[in-house]
PDB file of N, CA and C in Angstrom:
ATOM      1  N   UNK A   1     264.636 126.243 166.847  1.00  0.00           N
ATOM      2  CA  UNK A   1     265.143 126.013 168.179  1.00  0.00           C
ATOM      3  C   UNK A   1     266.658 126.168 168.214  1.00  0.00           C
ATOM      4  N   UNK A   2     267.164 127.056 167.457  1.00  0.00           N
ATOM      5  CA  UNK A   2     268.601 127.282 167.383  1.00  0.00           C
ATOM      6  C   UNK A   2     269.154 127.712 168.733  1.00  0.00           C
ATOM      7  N   UNK A   3     270.294 127.147 169.112  1.00  0.00           N
ATOM      8  CA  UNK A   3     270.959 127.532 170.343  1.00  0.00           C
ATOM      9  C   UNK A   3     270.509 126.764 171.567  1.00  0.00           C
ATOM     10  N   UNK A   4     269.449 125.976 171.450  1.00  0.00           N
ATOM     11  CA  UNK A   4     268.983 125.196 172.596  1.00  0.00           C
ATOM     12  C   UNK A   4     269.571 123.798 172.546  1.00  0.00           C
ATOM     13  N   UNK A   5     269.734 123.222 173.700  1.00  0.00           N
ATOM     14  CA  UNK A   5     270.200 121.847 173.805  1.00  0.00           C
ATOM     15  C   UNK A   5     269.042 120.993 174.295  1.00  0.00           C
ATOM     16  N   UNK A   6     268.967 119.776 173.802  1.00  0.00           N
ATOM     17  CA  UNK A   6     267.923 118.835 174.207  1.00  0.00           C
ATOM     18  C   UNK A   6     268.603 117.650 174.881  1.00  0.00           C
ATOM     19  N   UNK A   7     268.164 117.334 176.103  1.00  0.00           N
ATOM     20  CA  UNK A   7     268.774 116.277 176.895  1.00  0.00           C
ATOM     21  C   UNK A   7     267.765 115.191 177.236  1.00  0.00           C
ATOM     22  N   UNK A   8     268.245 113.979 177.364  1.00  0.00           N
ATOM     23  CA  UNK A   8     267.449 112.849 177.829  1.00  0.00           C
ATOM     24  C   UNK A   8     267.623 112.776 179.343  1.00  0.00           C
ATOM     25  N   UNK A   9     266.601 113.173 180.089  1.00  0.00           N
ATOM     26  CA  UNK A   9     266.675 113.216 181.546  1.00  0.00           C
ATOM     27  C   UNK A   9     266.948 111.873 182.194  1.00  0.00           C
ATOM     28  N   UNK A  10     266.628 110.786 181.511  1.00  0.00           N
ATOM     29  CA  UNK A  10     266.870 109.458 182.083  1.00  0.00           C
ATOM     30  C   UNK A  10     268.363 109.136 182.162  1.00  0.00           C
ATOM     31  N   UNK A  11     269.187 109.933 181.492  1.00  0.00           N
ATOM     32  CA  UNK A  11     270.628 109.706 181.509  1.00  0.00           C
ATOM     33  C   UNK A  11     271.313 110.435 182.666  1.00  0.00           C
ATOM     34  N   UNK A  12     270.578 111.286 183.391  1.00  0.00           N
ATOM     35  CA  UNK A  12     271.152 112.078 184.478  1.00  0.00           C
ATOM     36  C   UNK A  12     271.114 111.339 185.801  1.00  0.00           C
ATOM     37  N   UNK A  13     272.080 111.647 186.641  1.00  0.00           N
ATOM     38  CA  UNK A  13     272.089 111.173 188.017  1.00  0.00           C
ATOM     39  C   UNK A  13     271.843 112.347 188.943  1.00  0.00           C
ATOM     40  N   UNK A  14     271.594 112.061 190.206  1.00  0.00           N
ATOM     41  CA  UNK A  14     271.349 113.111 191.196  1.00  0.00           C
ATOM     42  C   UNK A  14     272.503 114.107 191.187  1.00  0.00           C
ATOM     43  N   UNK A  15     272.162 115.384 191.233  1.00  0.00           N
ATOM     44  CA  UNK A  15     273.169 116.433 191.247  1.00  0.00           C
ATOM     45  C   UNK A  15     273.490 116.996 189.879  1.00  0.00           C
ATOM     46  N   UNK A  16     273.003 116.363 188.812  1.00  0.00           N
ATOM     47  CA  UNK A  16     273.272 116.849 187.462  1.00  0.00           C
ATOM     48  C   UNK A  16     272.704 118.255 187.301  1.00  0.00           C
ATOM     49  N   UNK A  17     273.460 119.123 186.626  1.00  0.00           N
ATOM     50  CA  UNK A  17     273.032 120.503 186.411  1.00  0.00           C
ATOM     51  C   UNK A  17     273.003 120.789 184.913  1.00  0.00           C
ATOM     52  N   UNK A  18     271.906 121.387 184.462  1.00  0.00           N
ATOM     53  CA  UNK A  18     271.753 121.782 183.062  1.00  0.00           C
ATOM     54  C   UNK A  18     271.461 123.278 183.045  1.00  0.00           C
ATOM     55  N   UNK A  19     272.227 124.019 182.249  1.00  0.00           N
ATOM     56  CA  UNK A  19     272.047 125.464 182.130  1.00  0.00           C
ATOM     57  C   UNK A  19     271.329 125.784 180.826  1.00  0.00           C
ATOM     58  N   UNK A  20     270.356 126.681 180.904  1.00  0.00           N
ATOM     59  CA  UNK A  20     269.557 127.036 179.744  1.00  0.00           C
ATOM     60  C   UNK A  20     270.267 127.968 178.790  1.00  0.00           C
ATOM     61  N   UNK A  21     269.759 128.078 177.593  1.00  0.00           N
ATOM     62  CA  UNK A  21     268.490 127.506 177.151  1.00  0.00           C
ATOM     63  C   UNK A  21     268.627 126.021 176.834  1.00  0.00           C
ATOM     64  N   UNK A  22     267.674 125.245 177.325  1.00  0.00           N
ATOM     65  CA  UNK A  22     267.716 123.801 177.132  1.00  0.00           C
ATOM     66  C   UNK A  22     266.345 123.187 177.387  1.00  0.00           C
ATOM     67  N   UNK A  23     266.187 121.969 176.892  1.00  0.00           N
ATOM     68  CA  UNK A  23     265.016 121.136 177.168  1.00  0.00           C
ATOM     69  C   UNK A  23     265.512 119.827 177.758  1.00  0.00           C
ATOM     70  N   UNK A  24     264.814 119.346 178.783  1.00  0.00           N
ATOM     71  CA  UNK A  24     265.109 118.034 179.344  1.00  0.00           C
ATOM     72  C   UNK A  24     263.870 117.181 179.114  1.00  0.00           C
ATOM     73  N   UNK A  25     264.025 116.139 178.318  1.00  0.00           N
ATOM     74  CA  UNK A  25     262.900 115.255 178.027  1.00  0.00           C
ATOM     75  C   UNK A  25     262.891 114.096 179.015  1.00  0.00           C
ATOM     76  N   UNK A  26     261.763 113.921 179.666  1.00  0.00           N
ATOM     77  CA  UNK A  26     261.516 112.828 180.607  1.00  0.00           C
ATOM     78  C   UNK A  26     260.367 111.991 180.044  1.00  0.00           C
ATOM     79  N   UNK A  27     260.178 110.766 180.547  1.00  0.00           N
ATOM     80  CA  UNK A  27     259.104 109.923 180.013  1.00  0.00           C
ATOM     81  C   UNK A  27     257.709 110.549 180.125  1.00  0.00           C
ATOM     82  N   UNK A  28     257.466 111.348 181.167  1.00  0.00           N
ATOM     83  CA  UNK A  28     256.122 111.894 181.376  1.00  0.00           C
ATOM     84  C   UNK A  28     256.031 113.406 181.253  1.00  0.00           C
ATOM     85  N   UNK A  29     257.160 114.084 180.988  1.00  0.00           N
ATOM     86  CA  UNK A  29     257.139 115.547 180.906  1.00  0.00           C
ATOM     87  C   UNK A  29     258.370 116.066 180.175  1.00  0.00           C
ATOM     88  N   UNK A  30     258.346 117.335 179.865  1.00  0.00           N
ATOM     89  CA  UNK A  30     259.513 118.021 179.309  1.00  0.00           C
ATOM     90  C   UNK A  30     259.754 119.257 180.156  1.00  0.00           C
ATOM     91  N   UNK A  31     260.993 119.453 180.597  1.00  0.00           N
ATOM     92  CA  UNK A  31     261.369 120.605 181.403  1.00  0.00           C
ATOM     93  C   UNK A  31     262.010 121.633 180.474  1.00  0.00           C
ATOM     94  N   UNK A  32     261.474 122.852 180.487  1.00  0.00           N
ATOM     95  CA  UNK A  32     262.007 123.936 179.674  1.00  0.00           C
ATOM     96  C   UNK A  32     262.842 124.839 180.591  1.00  0.00           C
ATOM     97  N   UNK A  33     264.094 125.053 180.207  1.00  0.00           N
ATOM     98  CA  UNK A  33     264.986 125.903 180.989  1.00  0.00           C
ATOM     99  C   UNK A  33     265.343 127.109 180.123  1.00  0.00           C
ATOM    100  N   UNK A  34     264.904 128.262 180.538  1.00  0.00           N
ATOM    101  CA  UNK A  34     265.162 129.490 179.778  1.00  0.00           C
ATOM    102  C   UNK A  34     266.593 129.969 179.980  1.00  0.00           C
ATOM    103  N   UNK A  35     267.039 130.808 179.059  1.00  0.00           N
ATOM    104  CA  UNK A  35     268.357 131.404 179.158  1.00  0.00           C
ATOM    105  C   UNK A  35     268.484 132.144 180.489  1.00  0.00           C
ATOM    106  N   UNK A  36     269.599 131.975 181.176  1.00  0.00           N
ATOM    107  CA  UNK A  36     269.811 132.626 182.466  1.00  0.00           C
ATOM    108  C   UNK A  36     269.351 131.793 183.651  1.00  0.00           C
ATOM    109  N   UNK A  37     268.832 130.603 183.388  1.00  0.00           N
ATOM    110  CA  UNK A  37     268.364 129.706 184.441  1.00  0.00           C
ATOM    111  C   UNK A  37     269.102 128.378 184.348  1.00  0.00           C
ATOM    112  N   UNK A  38     269.051 127.613 185.435  1.00  0.00           N
ATOM    113  CA  UNK A  38     269.617 126.267 185.434  1.00  0.00           C
ATOM    114  C   UNK A  38     268.719 125.338 186.241  1.00  0.00           C
ATOM    115  N   UNK A  39     268.803 124.066 185.916  1.00  0.00           N
ATOM    116  CA  UNK A  39     268.033 123.042 186.623  1.00  0.00           C
ATOM    117  C   UNK A  39     269.011 122.042 187.224  1.00  0.00           C
ATOM    118  N   UNK A  40     268.763 121.671 188.469  1.00  0.00           N
ATOM    119  CA  UNK A  40     269.576 120.651 189.125  1.00  0.00           C
ATOM    120  C   UNK A  40     268.666 119.507 189.546  1.00  0.00           C
ATOM    121  N   UNK A  41     269.083 118.281 189.200  1.00  0.00           N
ATOM    122  CA  UNK A  41     268.290 117.103 189.531  1.00  0.00           C
ATOM    123  C   UNK A  41     268.542 116.686 190.971  1.00  0.00           C
ATOM    124  N   UNK A  42     267.483 116.636 191.747  1.00  0.00           N
ATOM    125  CA  UNK A  42     267.551 116.215 193.152  1.00  0.00           C
ATOM    126  C   UNK A  42     267.494 114.698 193.211  1.00  0.00           C
ATOM    127  N   UNK A  43     267.960 114.133 194.298  1.00  0.00           N
ATOM    128  CA  UNK A  43     267.964 112.669 194.450  1.00  0.00           C
ATOM    129  C   UNK A  43     266.567 112.058 194.439  1.00  0.00           C
ATOM    130  N   UNK A  44     265.531 112.884 194.674  1.00  0.00           N
ATOM    131  CA  UNK A  44     264.158 112.389 194.650  1.00  0.00           C
ATOM    132  C   UNK A  44     263.608 112.314 193.210  1.00  0.00           C
ATOM    133  N   UNK A  45     264.393 112.850 192.243  1.00  0.00           N
ATOM    134  CA  UNK A  45     263.965 112.819 190.853  1.00  0.00           C
ATOM    135  C   UNK A  45     263.285 114.082 190.389  1.00  0.00           C
ATOM    136  N   UNK A  46     263.250 115.111 191.243  1.00  0.00           N
ATOM    137  CA  UNK A  46     262.658 116.384 190.851  1.00  0.00           C
ATOM    138  C   UNK A  46     263.762 117.371 190.465  1.00  0.00           C
ATOM    139  N   UNK A  47     263.396 118.361 189.651  1.00  0.00           N
ATOM    140  CA  UNK A  47     264.348 119.373 189.222  1.00  0.00           C
ATOM    141  C   UNK A  47     264.109 120.653 190.000  1.00  0.00           C
ATOM    142  N   UNK A  48     265.192 121.287 190.433  1.00  0.00           N
ATOM    143  CA  UNK A  48     265.113 122.578 191.112  1.00  0.00           C
ATOM    144  C   UNK A  48     265.643 123.623 190.151  1.00  0.00           C
ATOM    145  N   UNK A  49     264.815 124.615 189.809  1.00  0.00           N
ATOM    146  CA  UNK A  49     265.217 125.676 188.897  1.00  0.00           C
ATOM    147  C   UNK A  49     265.692 126.884 189.692  1.00  0.00           C
ATOM    148  N   UNK A  50     266.864 127.407 189.317  1.00  0.00           N
ATOM    149  CA  UNK A  50     267.428 128.587 189.950  1.00  0.00           C
ATOM    150  C   UNK A  50     268.065 129.472 188.895  1.00  0.00           C
ATOM    151  N   UNK A  51     268.309 130.711 189.229  1.00  0.00           N
ATOM    152  CA  UNK A  51     269.022 131.619 188.336  1.00  0.00           C
ATOM    153  C   UNK A  51     270.461 131.122 188.194  1.00  0.00           C
ATOM    154  N   UNK A  52     270.952 131.123 186.964  1.00  0.00           N
ATOM    155  CA  UNK A  52     272.331 130.712 186.721  1.00  0.00           C
ATOM    156  C   UNK A  52     273.280 131.777 187.257  1.00  0.00           C
ATOM    157  N   UNK A  53     274.394 131.324 187.786  1.00  0.00           N
ATOM    158  CA  UNK A  53     275.388 132.252 188.358  1.00  0.00           C
ATOM    159  C   UNK A  53     276.200 132.917 187.280  1.00  0.00           C
TER     160      UNK A  53
END
């Protein structure tokens, strides 16, 4: 898993952005973010995946 970052999603607040390649570990799931993509945590606790700028 060289080059990937692993994050604890419970440490994020609304609006947090993670750019791939990365993994976000949550208590009930793991979010995989591929290279060229990013995830932003919404205030409802869901992640929105979009192409990185």
